[in-house]
Amino acid sequence: MALLSARRVRPVACVGAAVAAAVLPVVSAAPASATTQEAHVSYIQRDGWGNIKYDVRFNGTVRSDGPTRYVIQGVLDAYCHDSTITGQSITFGYGPSKNGWQYKSYWCTDAPVNINIEGSRSAGDSVDLIVGATSGVFNTYNYGSKQTFNIGTD
């Protein structure tokens, strides 16, 4: 009787092993290095009394779209004080770390603005983001700190 039950178990075990062998390569084929990262980039300028004059923020995500592509999605929002003579602008800077900057600029009054960017990069390159406002002398841009996102590849 023990010999009969061992013969019945062996085919079931073989089928289970074959299914596992077929599924495992599919499951493990997903790249471990590709990530979607939360992006929170800001620029804040205060006056001499500590009051906020400019507050520009991007909140969204940066992700890989293959080994040589990336996607940035989110919202660029801003507060700009209204005691200036000229209209104030905000800017969103982005680009591959090894390839320089591109900018999208808007009037502060247009914020919040949806950002949806697809770009090219060298294989595996990271992506840099920065935000700013025309808060400098003669309406020049000042910026917050550059943020770098190592998103890997997929």
Protein backbone atom coordinates (compact mmCIF):
# COMPACT_ATOMS: atom_id res chain seq x y z
CA MET A 1 0.00 0.00 0.00
CA ALA A 2 2.86 2.42 0.78
CA LEU A 3 4.37 1.72 -2.64
CA LEU A 4 1.11 2.65 -4.38
CA SER A 5 0.77 6.03 -2.62
CA ALA A 6 4.41 6.87 -3.43
CA ARG A 7 3.69 6.23 -7.11
CA ARG A 8 0.71 8.61 -7.01
CA VAL A 9 2.66 11.40 -5.27
CA ARG A 10 5.58 11.32 -7.74
CA PRO A 11 3.53 12.51 -10.80
CA VAL A 12 1.96 15.31 -8.74
CA ALA A 13 5.42 16.42 -7.56
CA CYS A 14 6.72 16.39 -11.13
CA VAL A 15 3.81 18.52 -12.35
CA GLY A 16 4.38 20.96 -9.46
CA ALA A 17 8.08 21.23 -10.27
CA ALA A 18 7.35 21.83 -13.96
CA VAL A 19 4.87 24.62 -13.14
CA ALA A 20 7.34 26.25 -10.75
CA ALA A 21 10.12 26.09 -13.35
CA ALA A 22 7.87 27.75 -15.91
CA VAL A 23 6.70 30.52 -13.57
CA LEU A 24 9.96 31.40 -11.79
CA PRO A 25 11.79 32.91 -14.78
CA VAL A 26 8.77 35.13 -15.51
CA VAL A 27 8.62 36.37 -11.92
CA SER A 28 12.35 36.96 -11.58
CA ALA A 29 12.62 38.72 -14.96
CA ALA A 30 11.43 42.02 -13.45
CA PRO A 31 14.38 44.39 -13.01
CA ALA A 32 15.38 45.03 -9.44
CA SER A 33 17.04 48.36 -10.26
CA ALA A 34 14.05 50.29 -11.67
CA THR A 35 12.22 52.51 -9.17
CA THR A 36 9.53 55.15 -9.07
CA GLN A 37 10.61 57.82 -6.64
CA GLU A 38 8.57 60.47 -4.85
CA ALA A 39 9.82 63.95 -5.76
CA HIS A 40 9.40 66.92 -3.42
CA VAL A 41 11.42 69.89 -4.65
CA SER A 42 11.06 73.41 -3.26
CA TYR A 43 12.31 76.98 -3.24
CA ILE A 44 11.37 79.33 -0.40
CA GLN A 45 12.47 82.94 0.04
CA ARG A 46 11.71 84.97 3.14
CA ASP A 47 11.95 88.69 3.77
CA GLY A 48 13.98 90.23 6.61
CA TRP A 49 11.14 89.65 9.09
CA GLY A 50 10.78 85.96 8.26
CA ASN A 51 7.65 86.34 6.13
CA ILE A 52 7.43 84.12 3.04
CA LYS A 53 7.84 86.07 -0.20
CA TYR A 54 8.11 83.07 -2.55
CA ASP A 55 7.18 79.45 -2.01
CA VAL A 56 7.52 77.24 -5.11
CA ARG A 57 7.02 73.48 -4.82
CA PHE A 58 6.90 70.47 -7.11
CA ASN A 59 5.29 67.33 -5.71
CA GLY A 60 5.17 64.25 -7.90
CA THR A 61 7.16 61.26 -9.10
CA VAL A 62 10.18 60.47 -11.27
CA ARG A 63 10.46 57.04 -12.87
CA SER A 64 12.37 55.08 -15.45
CA ASP A 65 10.74 54.31 -18.77
CA GLY A 66 13.33 51.89 -20.08
CA PRO A 67 17.11 52.19 -19.98
CA THR A 68 17.22 55.49 -21.89
CA ARG A 69 13.91 57.21 -21.01
CA TYR A 70 12.34 58.84 -17.95
CA VAL A 71 8.94 60.21 -16.91
CA ILE A 72 8.22 63.09 -14.52
CA GLN A 73 4.65 63.63 -13.31
CA GLY A 74 3.23 65.91 -10.64
CA VAL A 75 2.07 69.40 -9.75
CA LEU A 76 4.05 72.64 -9.66
CA ASP A 77 2.46 75.05 -7.17
CA ALA A 78 3.54 78.47 -5.94
CA TYR A 79 2.91 81.49 -3.80
CA CYS A 80 4.50 84.77 -4.92
CA HIS A 81 4.02 87.99 -2.97
CA ASP A 82 2.07 90.63 -4.83
CA SER A 83 4.06 93.75 -3.98
CA THR A 84 6.16 93.75 -7.15
CA ILE A 85 5.78 96.00 -10.17
CA THR A 86 6.17 93.23 -12.75
CA GLY A 87 4.50 89.84 -13.01
CA GLN A 88 6.35 87.05 -11.26
CA SER A 89 7.32 83.78 -12.94
CA ILE A 90 8.07 80.32 -11.60
CA THR A 91 10.16 77.68 -13.29
CA PHE A 92 10.59 73.93 -13.22
CA GLY A 93 14.05 72.70 -14.23
CA TYR A 94 14.72 69.08 -15.17
CA GLY A 95 17.06 66.87 -17.12
CA PRO A 96 19.44 63.93 -17.10
CA SER A 97 22.35 64.47 -14.72
CA LYS A 98 24.91 64.10 -17.54
CA ASN A 99 23.07 66.21 -20.11
CA GLY A 100 22.12 69.65 -18.75
CA TRP A 101 18.89 71.45 -17.96
CA GLN A 102 15.58 72.14 -19.63
CA TYR A 103 12.99 74.50 -18.14
CA LYS A 104 9.25 74.99 -18.16
CA SER A 105 8.26 78.45 -16.90
CA TYR A 106 4.85 79.84 -15.98
CA TRP A 107 3.34 82.97 -14.49
CA CYS A 108 2.96 82.58 -10.76
CA THR A 109 -0.75 83.35 -11.12
CA ASP A 110 -1.14 80.23 -13.34
CA ALA A 111 -0.14 77.89 -10.50
CA PRO A 112 -0.94 75.10 -9.77
CA VAL A 113 0.30 73.59 -13.04
CA ASN A 114 0.25 69.90 -13.97
CA ILE A 115 3.65 68.63 -15.08
CA ASN A 116 3.91 65.58 -17.36
CA ILE A 117 7.32 65.19 -19.01
CA GLU A 118 8.87 62.32 -20.94
CA GLY A 119 12.56 62.61 -21.74
CA SER A 120 15.69 60.86 -22.97
CA ARG A 121 18.85 60.09 -21.01
CA SER A 122 22.00 58.02 -21.29
CA ALA A 123 21.48 54.41 -20.26
CA GLY A 124 21.00 54.34 -16.50
CA ASP A 125 21.59 58.09 -15.98
CA SER A 126 19.88 59.78 -13.04
CA VAL A 127 17.47 62.74 -13.35
CA ASP A 128 17.88 66.19 -11.73
CA LEU A 129 15.03 68.51 -10.70
CA ILE A 130 15.01 72.10 -9.44
CA VAL A 131 12.41 74.86 -8.99
CA GLY A 132 12.71 78.62 -8.78
CA ALA A 133 11.07 82.01 -9.11
CA THR A 134 11.88 85.46 -10.48
CA SER A 135 12.78 86.68 -7.02
CA GLY A 136 16.23 88.07 -7.84
CA VAL A 137 17.44 91.53 -8.75
CA PHE A 138 15.94 92.77 -12.04
CA ASN A 139 13.52 89.81 -12.03
CA THR A 140 16.21 87.14 -12.38
CA TYR A 141 15.56 83.58 -11.24
CA ASN A 142 16.65 82.24 -7.88
CA TYR A 143 16.47 78.49 -7.26
CA GLY A 144 16.14 75.97 -4.48
CA SER A 145 18.48 73.03 -4.07
CA LYS A 146 18.93 70.60 -6.94
CA GLN A 147 17.48 67.14 -6.24
CA THR A 148 18.91 64.05 -7.97
CA PHE A 149 16.84 60.91 -8.54
CA ASN A 150 18.61 57.61 -9.27
CA ILE A 151 15.75 55.78 -10.96
CA GLY A 152 17.69 52.90 -12.52
CA THR A 153 16.43 51.16 -15.66
CA ASP A 154 13.69 48.74 -16.61
